[in-house]
Amino acid sequence: RQLRRVGSVNSPNPAHQARLIAKRM
């Protein structure tokens, strides 16, 4: 869901959230 929200480099929050989730996994 977070990765789908990353549309460009101007989508820092979804990208950051995706990074945190991947790290948790």
mmCIF file of all heavy atoms, coordinates in Angstrom:
data_MODEL
# 
_entry.id   MODEL 
# 
loop_
_atom_site.group_PDB 
_atom_site.id 
_atom_site.type_symbol 
_atom_site.label_atom_id 
_atom_site.label_alt_id 
_atom_site.label_comp_id 
_atom_site.label_asym_id 
_atom_site.label_entity_id 
_atom_site.label_seq_id 
_atom_site.pdbx_PDB_ins_code 
_atom_site.Cartn_x 
_atom_site.Cartn_y 
_atom_site.Cartn_z 
_atom_site.occupancy 
_atom_site.B_iso_or_equiv 
_atom_site.pdbx_formal_charge 
_atom_site.auth_seq_id 
_atom_site.auth_comp_id 
_atom_site.auth_asym_id 
_atom_site.auth_atom_id 
_atom_site.pdbx_PDB_model_num 
ATOM 1   N N   . ARG A 1 1  ? 0.830  -1.204 0.000  1.00 0.00 ? 1  ARG A N   1 
ATOM 2   C CA  . ARG A 1 1  ? 0.000  0.000  0.000  1.00 0.00 ? 1  ARG A CA  1 
ATOM 3   C C   . ARG A 1 1  ? 0.870  1.263  0.000  1.00 0.00 ? 1  ARG A C   1 
ATOM 4   O O   . ARG A 1 1  ? 0.585  2.218  -0.742 1.00 0.00 ? 1  ARG A O   1 
ATOM 5   C CB  . ARG A 1 1  ? -0.913 -0.014 1.219  1.00 0.00 ? 1  ARG A CB  1 
ATOM 6   C CG  . ARG A 1 1  ? -1.886 1.162  1.279  1.00 0.00 ? 1  ARG A CG  1 
ATOM 7   C CD  . ARG A 1 1  ? -3.033 0.918  2.249  1.00 0.00 ? 1  ARG A CD  1 
ATOM 8   N NE  . ARG A 1 1  ? -2.561 0.556  3.565  1.00 0.00 ? 1  ARG A NE  1 
ATOM 9   C CZ  . ARG A 1 1  ? -2.701 -0.668 4.104  1.00 0.00 ? 1  ARG A CZ  1 
ATOM 10  N NH1 . ARG A 1 1  ? -3.286 -1.642 3.419  1.00 0.00 ? 1  ARG A NH1 1 
ATOM 11  N NH2 . ARG A 1 1  ? -2.251 -0.919 5.327  1.00 0.00 ? 1  ARG A NH2 1 
ATOM 12  N N   . GLN A 1 2  ? 1.934  1.268  0.780  1.00 0.00 ? 2  GLN A N   1 
ATOM 13  C CA  . GLN A 1 2  ? 2.813  2.435  0.822  1.00 0.00 ? 2  GLN A CA  1 
ATOM 14  C C   . GLN A 1 2  ? 3.572  2.607  -0.487 1.00 0.00 ? 2  GLN A C   1 
ATOM 15  O O   . GLN A 1 2  ? 3.749  3.741  -0.972 1.00 0.00 ? 2  GLN A O   1 
ATOM 16  C CB  . GLN A 1 2  ? 3.797  2.325  1.992  1.00 0.00 ? 2  GLN A CB  1 
ATOM 17  C CG  . GLN A 1 2  ? 3.172  2.408  3.372  1.00 0.00 ? 2  GLN A CG  1 
ATOM 18  C CD  . GLN A 1 2  ? 2.529  3.752  3.661  1.00 0.00 ? 2  GLN A CD  1 
ATOM 19  O OE1 . GLN A 1 2  ? 2.833  4.762  3.022  1.00 0.00 ? 2  GLN A OE1 1 
ATOM 20  N NE2 . GLN A 1 2  ? 1.616  3.764  4.630  1.00 0.00 ? 2  GLN A NE2 1 
ATOM 21  N N   . LEU A 1 3  ? 4.024  1.503  -1.074 1.00 0.00 ? 3  LEU A N   1 
ATOM 22  C CA  . LEU A 1 3  ? 4.773  1.592  -2.329 1.00 0.00 ? 3  LEU A CA  1 
ATOM 23  C C   . LEU A 1 3  ? 3.901  2.127  -3.459 1.00 0.00 ? 3  LEU A C   1 
ATOM 24  O O   . LEU A 1 3  ? 4.383  2.857  -4.338 1.00 0.00 ? 3  LEU A O   1 
ATOM 25  C CB  . LEU A 1 3  ? 5.338  0.216  -2.699 1.00 0.00 ? 3  LEU A CB  1 
ATOM 26  C CG  . LEU A 1 3  ? 6.506  -0.279 -1.839 1.00 0.00 ? 3  LEU A CG  1 
ATOM 27  C CD1 . LEU A 1 3  ? 6.872  -1.706 -2.207 1.00 0.00 ? 3  LEU A CD1 1 
ATOM 28  C CD2 . LEU A 1 3  ? 7.723  0.634  -1.998 1.00 0.00 ? 3  LEU A CD2 1 
ATOM 29  N N   . ARG A 1 4  ? 2.625  1.800  -3.432 1.00 0.00 ? 4  ARG A N   1 
ATOM 30  C CA  . ARG A 1 4  ? 1.718  2.300  -4.471 1.00 0.00 ? 4  ARG A CA  1 
ATOM 31  C C   . ARG A 1 4  ? 1.523  3.810  -4.346 1.00 0.00 ? 4  ARG A C   1 
ATOM 32  O O   . ARG A 1 4  ? 1.183  4.476  -5.325 1.00 0.00 ? 4  ARG A O   1 
ATOM 33  C CB  . ARG A 1 4  ? 0.365  1.590  -4.369 1.00 0.00 ? 4  ARG A CB  1 
ATOM 34  C CG  . ARG A 1 4  ? 0.401  0.131  -4.805 1.00 0.00 ? 4  ARG A CG  1 
ATOM 35  C CD  . ARG A 1 4  ? -0.989 -0.474 -4.804 1.00 0.00 ? 4  ARG A CD  1 
ATOM 36  N NE  . ARG A 1 4  ? -1.862 0.179  -5.774 1.00 0.00 ? 4  ARG A NE  1 
ATOM 37  C CZ  . ARG A 1 4  ? -3.142 -0.142 -5.951 1.00 0.00 ? 4  ARG A CZ  1 
ATOM 38  N NH1 . ARG A 1 4  ? -3.693 -1.092 -5.205 1.00 0.00 ? 4  ARG A NH1 1 
ATOM 39  N NH2 . ARG A 1 4  ? -3.875 0.478  -6.854 1.00 0.00 ? 4  ARG A NH2 1 
ATOM 40  N N   . ARG A 1 5  ? 1.747  4.342  -3.155 1.00 0.00 ? 5  ARG A N   1 
ATOM 41  C CA  . ARG A 1 5  ? 1.592  5.782  -2.937 1.00 0.00 ? 5  ARG A CA  1 
ATOM 42  C C   . ARG A 1 5  ? 2.829  6.573  -3.353 1.00 0.00 ? 5  ARG A C   1 
ATOM 43  O O   . ARG A 1 5  ? 2.799  7.795  -3.412 1.00 0.00 ? 5  ARG A O   1 
ATOM 44  C CB  . ARG A 1 5  ? 1.295  6.058  -1.464 1.00 0.00 ? 5  ARG A CB  1 
ATOM 45  C CG  . ARG A 1 5  ? -0.054 5.536  -0.990 1.00 0.00 ? 5  ARG A CG  1 
ATOM 46  C CD  . ARG A 1 5  ? -0.220 5.775  0.500  1.00 0.00 ? 5  ARG A CD  1 
ATOM 47  N NE  . ARG A 1 5  ? -0.109 7.191  0.836  1.00 0.00 ? 5  ARG A NE  1 
ATOM 48  C CZ  . ARG A 1 5  ? 0.163  7.649  2.047  1.00 0.00 ? 5  ARG A CZ  1 
ATOM 49  N NH1 . ARG A 1 5  ? 0.379  6.799  3.051  1.00 0.00 ? 5  ARG A NH1 1 
ATOM 50  N NH2 . ARG A 1 5  ? 0.230  8.950  2.280  1.00 0.00 ? 5  ARG A NH2 1 
ATOM 51  N N   . VAL A 1 6  ? 3.938  5.862  -3.631 1.00 0.00 ? 6  VAL A N   1 
ATOM 52  C CA  . VAL A 1 6  ? 5.166  6.548  -4.038 1.00 0.00 ? 6  VAL A CA  1 
ATOM 53  C C   . VAL A 1 6  ? 5.081  6.832  -5.529 1.00 0.00 ? 6  VAL A C   1 
ATOM 54  O O   . VAL A 1 6  ? 5.268  5.946  -6.362 1.00 0.00 ? 6  VAL A O   1 
ATOM 55  C CB  . VAL A 1 6  ? 6.416  5.694  -3.725 1.00 0.00 ? 6  VAL A CB  1 
ATOM 56  C CG1 . VAL A 1 6  ? 7.674  6.436  -4.168 1.00 0.00 ? 6  VAL A CG1 1 
ATOM 57  C CG2 . VAL A 1 6  ? 6.481  5.366  -2.243 1.00 0.00 ? 6  VAL A CG2 1 
ATOM 58  N N   . GLY A 1 7  ? 4.773  8.079  -5.855 1.00 0.00 ? 7  GLY A N   1 
ATOM 59  C CA  . GLY A 1 7  ? 4.642  8.428  -7.268 1.00 0.00 ? 7  GLY A CA  1 
ATOM 60  C C   . GLY A 1 7  ? 5.902  9.010  -7.858 1.00 0.00 ? 7  GLY A C   1 
ATOM 61  O O   . GLY A 1 7  ? 6.149  8.911  -9.056 1.00 0.00 ? 7  GLY A O   1 
ATOM 62  N N   . SER A 1 8  ? 6.727  9.642  -7.006 1.00 0.00 ? 8  SER A N   1 
ATOM 63  C CA  . SER A 1 8  ? 7.950  10.280 -7.492 1.00 0.00 ? 8  SER A CA  1 
ATOM 64  C C   . SER A 1 8  ? 8.849  10.561 -6.291 1.00 0.00 ? 8  SER A C   1 
ATOM 65  O O   . SER A 1 8  ? 8.529  10.197 -5.165 1.00 0.00 ? 8  SER A O   1 
ATOM 66  C CB  . SER A 1 8  ? 7.612  11.602 -8.198 1.00 0.00 ? 8  SER A CB  1 
ATOM 67  O OG  . SER A 1 8  ? 7.128  12.543 -7.249 1.00 0.00 ? 8  SER A OG  1 
ATOM 68  N N   . VAL A 1 9  ? 9.966  11.241 -6.568 1.00 0.00 ? 9  VAL A N   1 
ATOM 69  C CA  . VAL A 1 9  ? 10.870 11.605 -5.474 1.00 0.00 ? 9  VAL A CA  1 
ATOM 70  C C   . VAL A 1 9  ? 10.228 12.637 -4.554 1.00 0.00 ? 9  VAL A C   1 
ATOM 71  O O   . VAL A 1 9  ? 10.735 12.924 -3.473 1.00 0.00 ? 9  VAL A O   1 
ATOM 72  C CB  . VAL A 1 9  ? 12.199 12.171 -6.026 1.00 0.00 ? 9  VAL A CB  1 
ATOM 73  C CG1 . VAL A 1 9  ? 12.976 11.096 -6.736 1.00 0.00 ? 9  VAL A CG1 1 
ATOM 74  C CG2 . VAL A 1 9  ? 11.947 13.368 -6.940 1.00 0.00 ? 9  VAL A CG2 1 
ATOM 75  N N   . ASN A 1 10 ? 9.096  13.191 -4.994 1.00 0.00 ? 10 ASN A N   1 
ATOM 76  C CA  . ASN A 1 10 ? 8.376  14.166 -4.185 1.00 0.00 ? 10 ASN A CA  1 
ATOM 77  C C   . ASN A 1 10 ? 7.362  13.509 -3.261 1.00 0.00 ? 10 ASN A C   1 
ATOM 78  O O   . ASN A 1 10 ? 6.473  14.178 -2.737 1.00 0.00 ? 10 ASN A O   1 
ATOM 79  C CB  . ASN A 1 10 ? 7.669  15.184 -5.095 1.00 0.00 ? 10 ASN A CB  1 
ATOM 80  C CG  . ASN A 1 10 ? 8.651  16.003 -5.917 1.00 0.00 ? 10 ASN A CG  1 
ATOM 81  O OD1 . ASN A 1 10 ? 9.684  16.429 -5.411 1.00 0.00 ? 10 ASN A OD1 1 
ATOM 82  N ND2 . ASN A 1 10 ? 8.337  16.207 -7.188 1.00 0.00 ? 10 ASN A ND2 1 
ATOM 83  N N   . SER A 1 11 ? 7.479  12.175 -3.085 1.00 0.00 ? 11 SER A N   1 
ATOM 84  C CA  . SER A 1 11 ? 6.593  11.442 -2.162 1.00 0.00 ? 11 SER A CA  1 
ATOM 85  C C   . SER A 1 11 ? 7.433  10.868 -1.027 1.00 0.00 ? 11 SER A C   1 
ATOM 86  O O   . SER A 1 11 ? 7.541  9.647  -0.885 1.00 0.00 ? 11 SER A O   1 
ATOM 87  C CB  . SER A 1 11 ? 5.866  10.320 -2.911 1.00 0.00 ? 11 SER A CB  1 
ATOM 88  O OG  . SER A 1 11 ? 5.244  10.780 -4.070 1.00 0.00 ? 11 SER A OG  1 
ATOM 89  N N   . PRO A 1 12 ? 8.049  11.748 -0.207 1.00 0.00 ? 12 PRO A N   1 
ATOM 90  C CA  . PRO A 1 12 ? 8.994  11.246 0.805  1.00 0.00 ? 12 PRO A CA  1 
ATOM 91  C C   . PRO A 1 12 ? 8.342  10.429 1.906  1.00 0.00 ? 12 PRO A C   1 
ATOM 92  O O   . PRO A 1 12 ? 8.920  9.451  2.380  1.00 0.00 ? 12 PRO A O   1 
ATOM 93  C CB  . PRO A 1 12 ? 9.627  12.519 1.358  1.00 0.00 ? 12 PRO A CB  1 
ATOM 94  C CG  . PRO A 1 12 ? 8.590  13.587 1.127  1.00 0.00 ? 12 PRO A CG  1 
ATOM 95  C CD  . PRO A 1 12 ? 7.911  13.210 -0.160 1.00 0.00 ? 12 PRO A CD  1 
ATOM 96  N N   . ASN A 1 13 ? 7.130  10.807 2.353  1.00 0.00 ? 13 ASN A N   1 
ATOM 97  C CA  . ASN A 1 13 ? 6.544  10.107 3.488  1.00 0.00 ? 13 ASN A CA  1 
ATOM 98  C C   . ASN A 1 13 ? 6.182  8.657  3.166  1.00 0.00 ? 13 ASN A C   1 
ATOM 99  O O   . ASN A 1 13 ? 6.542  7.754  3.926  1.00 0.00 ? 13 ASN A O   1 
ATOM 100 C CB  . ASN A 1 13 ? 5.322  10.855 4.023  1.00 0.00 ? 13 ASN A CB  1 
ATOM 101 C CG  . ASN A 1 13 ? 4.843  10.263 5.329  1.00 0.00 ? 13 ASN A CG  1 
ATOM 102 O OD1 . ASN A 1 13 ? 5.589  10.186 6.296  1.00 0.00 ? 13 ASN A OD1 1 
ATOM 103 N ND2 . ASN A 1 13 ? 3.593  9.813  5.361  1.00 0.00 ? 13 ASN A ND2 1 
ATOM 104 N N   . PRO A 1 14 ? 5.474  8.374  2.060  1.00 0.00 ? 14 PRO A N   1 
ATOM 105 C CA  . PRO A 1 14 ? 5.201  6.961  1.732  1.00 0.00 ? 14 PRO A CA  1 
ATOM 106 C C   . PRO A 1 14 ? 6.480  6.146  1.544  1.00 0.00 ? 14 PRO A C   1 
ATOM 107 O O   . PRO A 1 14 ? 6.544  4.989  1.949  1.00 0.00 ? 14 PRO A O   1 
ATOM 108 C CB  . PRO A 1 14 ? 4.407  7.049  0.428  1.00 0.00 ? 14 PRO A CB  1 
ATOM 109 C CG  . PRO A 1 14 ? 3.794  8.398  0.431  1.00 0.00 ? 14 PRO A CG  1 
ATOM 110 C CD  . PRO A 1 14 ? 4.784  9.280  1.128  1.00 0.00 ? 14 PRO A CD  1 
ATOM 111 N N   . ALA A 1 15 ? 7.490  6.753  0.937  1.00 0.00 ? 15 ALA A N   1 
ATOM 112 C CA  . ALA A 1 15 ? 8.757  6.047  0.736  1.00 0.00 ? 15 ALA A CA  1 
ATOM 113 C C   . ALA A 1 15 ? 9.410  5.735  2.075  1.00 0.00 ? 15 ALA A C   1 
ATOM 114 O O   . ALA A 1 15 ? 9.955  4.638  2.285  1.00 0.00 ? 15 ALA A O   1 
ATOM 115 C CB  . ALA A 1 15 ? 9.691  6.879  -0.137 1.00 0.00 ? 15 ALA A CB  1 
ATOM 116 N N   . HIS A 1 16 ? 9.349  6.703  2.988  1.00 0.00 ? 16 HIS A N   1 
ATOM 117 C CA  . HIS A 1 16 ? 9.925  6.493  4.322  1.00 0.00 ? 16 HIS A CA  1 
ATOM 118 C C   . HIS A 1 16 ? 9.162  5.406  5.077  1.00 0.00 ? 16 HIS A C   1 
ATOM 119 O O   . HIS A 1 16 ? 9.773  4.541  5.715  1.00 0.00 ? 16 HIS A O   1 
ATOM 120 C CB  . HIS A 1 16 ? 9.893  7.808  5.102  1.00 0.00 ? 16 HIS A CB  1 
ATOM 121 C CG  . HIS A 1 16 ? 10.391 7.696  6.503  1.00 0.00 ? 16 HIS A CG  1 
ATOM 122 N ND1 . HIS A 1 16 ? 11.696 7.359  6.812  1.00 0.00 ? 16 HIS A ND1 1 
ATOM 123 C CD2 . HIS A 1 16 ? 9.757  7.849  7.701  1.00 0.00 ? 16 HIS A CD2 1 
ATOM 124 C CE1 . HIS A 1 16 ? 11.854 7.324  8.126  1.00 0.00 ? 16 HIS A CE1 1 
ATOM 125 N NE2 . HIS A 1 16 ? 10.690 7.613  8.686  1.00 0.00 ? 16 HIS A NE2 1 
ATOM 126 N N   . GLN A 1 17 ? 7.837  5.453  5.004  1.00 0.00 ? 17 GLN A N   1 
ATOM 127 C CA  . GLN A 1 17 ? 7.023  4.439  5.676  1.00 0.00 ? 17 GLN A CA  1 
ATOM 128 C C   . GLN A 1 17 ? 7.292  3.051  5.101  1.00 0.00 ? 17 GLN A C   1 
ATOM 129 O O   . GLN A 1 17 ? 7.362  2.058  5.833  1.00 0.00 ? 17 GLN A O   1 
ATOM 130 C CB  . GLN A 1 17 ? 5.538  4.785  5.550  1.00 0.00 ? 17 GLN A CB  1 
ATOM 131 C CG  . GLN A 1 17 ? 5.119  6.023  6.332  1.00 0.00 ? 17 GLN A CG  1 
ATOM 132 C CD  . GLN A 1 17 ? 5.415  5.909  7.817  1.00 0.00 ? 17 GLN A CD  1 
ATOM 133 O OE1 . GLN A 1 17 ? 5.204  4.864  8.425  1.00 0.00 ? 17 GLN A OE1 1 
ATOM 134 N NE2 . GLN A 1 17 ? 5.909  6.984  8.411  1.00 0.00 ? 17 GLN A NE2 1 
ATOM 135 N N   . ALA A 1 18 ? 7.444  2.977  3.777  1.00 0.00 ? 18 ALA A N   1 
ATOM 136 C CA  . ALA A 1 18 ? 7.744  1.691  3.131  1.00 0.00 ? 18 ALA A CA  1 
ATOM 137 C C   . ALA A 1 18 ? 9.086  1.153  3.612  1.00 0.00 ? 18 ALA A C   1 
ATOM 138 O O   . ALA A 1 18 ? 9.242  -0.047 3.856  1.00 0.00 ? 18 ALA A O   1 
ATOM 139 C CB  . ALA A 1 18 ? 7.752  1.861  1.617  1.00 0.00 ? 18 ALA A CB  1 
ATOM 140 N N   . ARG A 1 19 ? 10.053 2.042  3.755  1.00 0.00 ? 19 ARG A N   1 
ATOM 141 C CA  . ARG A 1 19 ? 11.378 1.647  4.251  1.00 0.00 ? 19 ARG A CA  1 
ATOM 142 C C   . ARG A 1 19 ? 11.274 1.089  5.666  1.00 0.00 ? 19 ARG A C   1 
ATOM 143 O O   . ARG A 1 19 ? 11.894 0.062  5.986  1.00 0.00 ? 19 ARG A O   1 
ATOM 144 C CB  . ARG A 1 19 ? 12.315 2.850  4.207  1.00 0.00 ? 19 ARG A CB  1 
ATOM 145 C CG  . ARG A 1 19 ? 13.689 2.623  4.797  1.00 0.00 ? 19 ARG A CG  1 
ATOM 146 C CD  . ARG A 1 19 ? 14.550 3.863  4.650  1.00 0.00 ? 19 ARG A CD  1 
ATOM 147 N NE  . ARG A 1 19 ? 15.788 3.728  5.374  1.00 0.00 ? 19 ARG A NE  1 
ATOM 148 C CZ  . ARG A 1 19 ? 15.949 4.058  6.653  1.00 0.00 ? 19 ARG A CZ  1 
ATOM 149 N NH1 . ARG A 1 19 ? 14.922 4.546  7.339  1.00 0.00 ? 19 ARG A NH1 1 
ATOM 150 N NH2 . ARG A 1 19 ? 17.112 3.919  7.248  1.00 0.00 ? 19 ARG A NH2 1 
ATOM 151 N N   . LEU A 1 20 ? 10.495 1.754  6.532  1.00 0.00 ? 20 LEU A N   1 
ATOM 152 C CA  . LEU A 1 20 ? 10.344 1.285  7.910  1.00 0.00 ? 20 LEU A CA  1 
ATOM 153 C C   . LEU A 1 20 ? 9.666  -0.082 7.964  1.00 0.00 ? 20 LEU A C   1 
ATOM 154 O O   . LEU A 1 20 ? 10.060 -0.953 8.746  1.00 0.00 ? 20 LEU A O   1 
ATOM 155 C CB  . LEU A 1 20 ? 9.532  2.298  8.718  1.00 0.00 ? 20 LEU A CB  1 
ATOM 156 C CG  . LEU A 1 20 ? 10.188 3.665  8.970  1.00 0.00 ? 20 LEU A CG  1 
ATOM 157 C CD1 . LEU A 1 20 ? 9.240  4.562  9.758  1.00 0.00 ? 20 LEU A CD1 1 
ATOM 158 C CD2 . LEU A 1 20 ? 11.507 3.502  9.701  1.00 0.00 ? 20 LEU A CD2 1 
ATOM 159 N N   . ILE A 1 21 ? 8.646  -0.271 7.142  1.00 0.00 ? 21 ILE A N   1 
ATOM 160 C CA  . ILE A 1 21 ? 7.943  -1.566 7.117  1.00 0.00 ? 21 ILE A CA  1 
ATOM 161 C C   . ILE A 1 21 ? 8.881  -2.666 6.644  1.00 0.00 ? 21 ILE A C   1 
ATOM 162 O O   . ILE A 1 21 ? 8.917  -3.760 7.217  1.00 0.00 ? 21 ILE A O   1 
ATOM 163 C CB  . ILE A 1 21 ? 6.699  -1.487 6.215  1.00 0.00 ? 21 ILE A CB  1 
ATOM 164 C CG1 . ILE A 1 21 ? 5.667  -0.511 6.807  1.00 0.00 ? 21 ILE A CG1 1 
ATOM 165 C CG2 . ILE A 1 21 ? 6.065  -2.870 6.031  1.00 0.00 ? 21 ILE A CG2 1 
ATOM 166 C CD1 . ILE A 1 21 ? 4.536  -0.172 5.862  1.00 0.00 ? 21 ILE A CD1 1 
ATOM 167 N N   . ALA A 1 22 ? 9.642  -2.386 5.579  1.00 0.00 ? 22 ALA A N   1 
ATOM 168 C CA  . ALA A 1 22 ? 10.578 -3.397 5.055  1.00 0.00 ? 22 ALA A CA  1 
ATOM 169 C C   . ALA A 1 22 ? 11.631 -3.756 6.101  1.00 0.00 ? 22 ALA A C   1 
ATOM 170 O O   . ALA A 1 22 ? 12.011 -4.913 6.240  1.00 0.00 ? 22 ALA A O   1 
ATOM 171 C CB  . ALA A 1 22 ? 11.255 -2.864 3.786  1.00 0.00 ? 22 ALA A CB  1 
ATOM 172 N N   . LYS A 1 23 ? 12.057 -2.756 6.861  1.00 0.00 ? 23 LYS A N   1 
ATOM 173 C CA  . LYS A 1 23 ? 13.043 -3.009 7.913  1.00 0.00 ? 23 LYS A CA  1 
ATOM 174 C C   . LYS A 1 23 ? 12.437 -3.884 9.011  1.00 0.00 ? 23 LYS A C   1 
ATOM 175 O O   . LYS A 1 23 ? 13.080 -4.811 9.512  1.00 0.00 ? 23 LYS A O   1 
ATOM 176 C CB  . LYS A 1 23 ? 13.533 -1.676 8.486  1.00 0.00 ? 23 LYS A CB  1 
ATOM 177 C CG  . LYS A 1 23 ? 14.688 -1.822 9.471  1.00 0.00 ? 23 LYS A CG  1 
ATOM 178 C CD  . LYS A 1 23 ? 15.190 -0.461 9.911  1.00 0.00 ? 23 LYS A CD  1 
ATOM 179 C CE  . LYS A 1 23 ? 15.942 0.233  8.801  1.00 0.00 ? 23 LYS A CE  1 
ATOM 180 N NZ  . LYS A 1 23 ? 16.613 1.477  9.288  1.00 0.00 ? 23 LYS A NZ  1 
ATOM 181 N N   . ARG A 1 24 ? 11.183 -3.605 9.383  1.00 0.00 ? 24 ARG A N   1 
ATOM 182 C CA  . ARG A 1 24 ? 10.510 -4.432 10.385 1.00 0.00 ? 24 ARG A CA  1 
ATOM 183 C C   . ARG A 1 24 ? 10.390 -5.883 9.921  1.00 0.00 ? 24 ARG A C   1 
ATOM 184 O O   . ARG A 1 24 ? 10.605 -6.814 10.680 1.00 0.00 ? 24 ARG A O   1 
ATOM 185 C CB  . ARG A 1 24 ? 9.114  -3.887 10.707 1.00 0.00 ? 24 ARG A CB  1 
ATOM 186 C CG  . ARG A 1 24 ? 9.092  -2.689 11.609 1.00 0.00 ? 24 ARG A CG  1 
ATOM 187 C CD  . ARG A 1 24 ? 7.748  -2.527 12.277 1.00 0.00 ? 24 ARG A CD  1 
ATOM 188 N NE  . ARG A 1 24 ? 6.636  -2.447 11.345 1.00 0.00 ? 24 ARG A NE  1 
ATOM 189 C CZ  . ARG A 1 24 ? 6.163  -1.316 10.855 1.00 0.00 ? 24 ARG A CZ  1 
ATOM 190 N NH1 . ARG A 1 24 ? 6.701  -0.163 11.195 1.00 0.00 ? 24 ARG A NH1 1 
ATOM 191 N NH2 . ARG A 1 24 ? 5.124  -1.329 10.037 1.00 0.00 ? 24 ARG A NH2 1 
ATOM 192 N N   . MET A 1 25 ? 10.042 -6.056 8.647  1.00 0.00 ? 25 MET A N   1 
ATOM 193 C CA  . MET A 1 25 ? 9.906  -7.412 8.088  1.00 0.00 ? 25 MET A CA  1 
ATOM 194 C C   . MET A 1 25 ? 11.239 -8.143 8.130  1.00 0.00 ? 25 MET A C   1 
ATOM 195 O O   . MET A 1 25 ? 11.310 -9.336 8.458  1.00 0.00 ? 25 MET A O   1 
ATOM 196 C CB  . MET A 1 25 ? 9.372  -7.352 6.660  1.00 0.00 ? 25 MET A CB  1 
ATOM 197 C CG  . MET A 1 25 ? 7.947  -6.846 6.562  1.00 0.00 ? 25 MET A CG  1 
ATOM 198 S SD  . MET A 1 25 ? 7.376  -6.674 4.849  1.00 0.00 ? 25 MET A SD  1 
ATOM 199 C CE  . MET A 1 25 ? 7.207  -8.407 4.387  1.00 0.00 ? 25 MET A CE  1 
# 
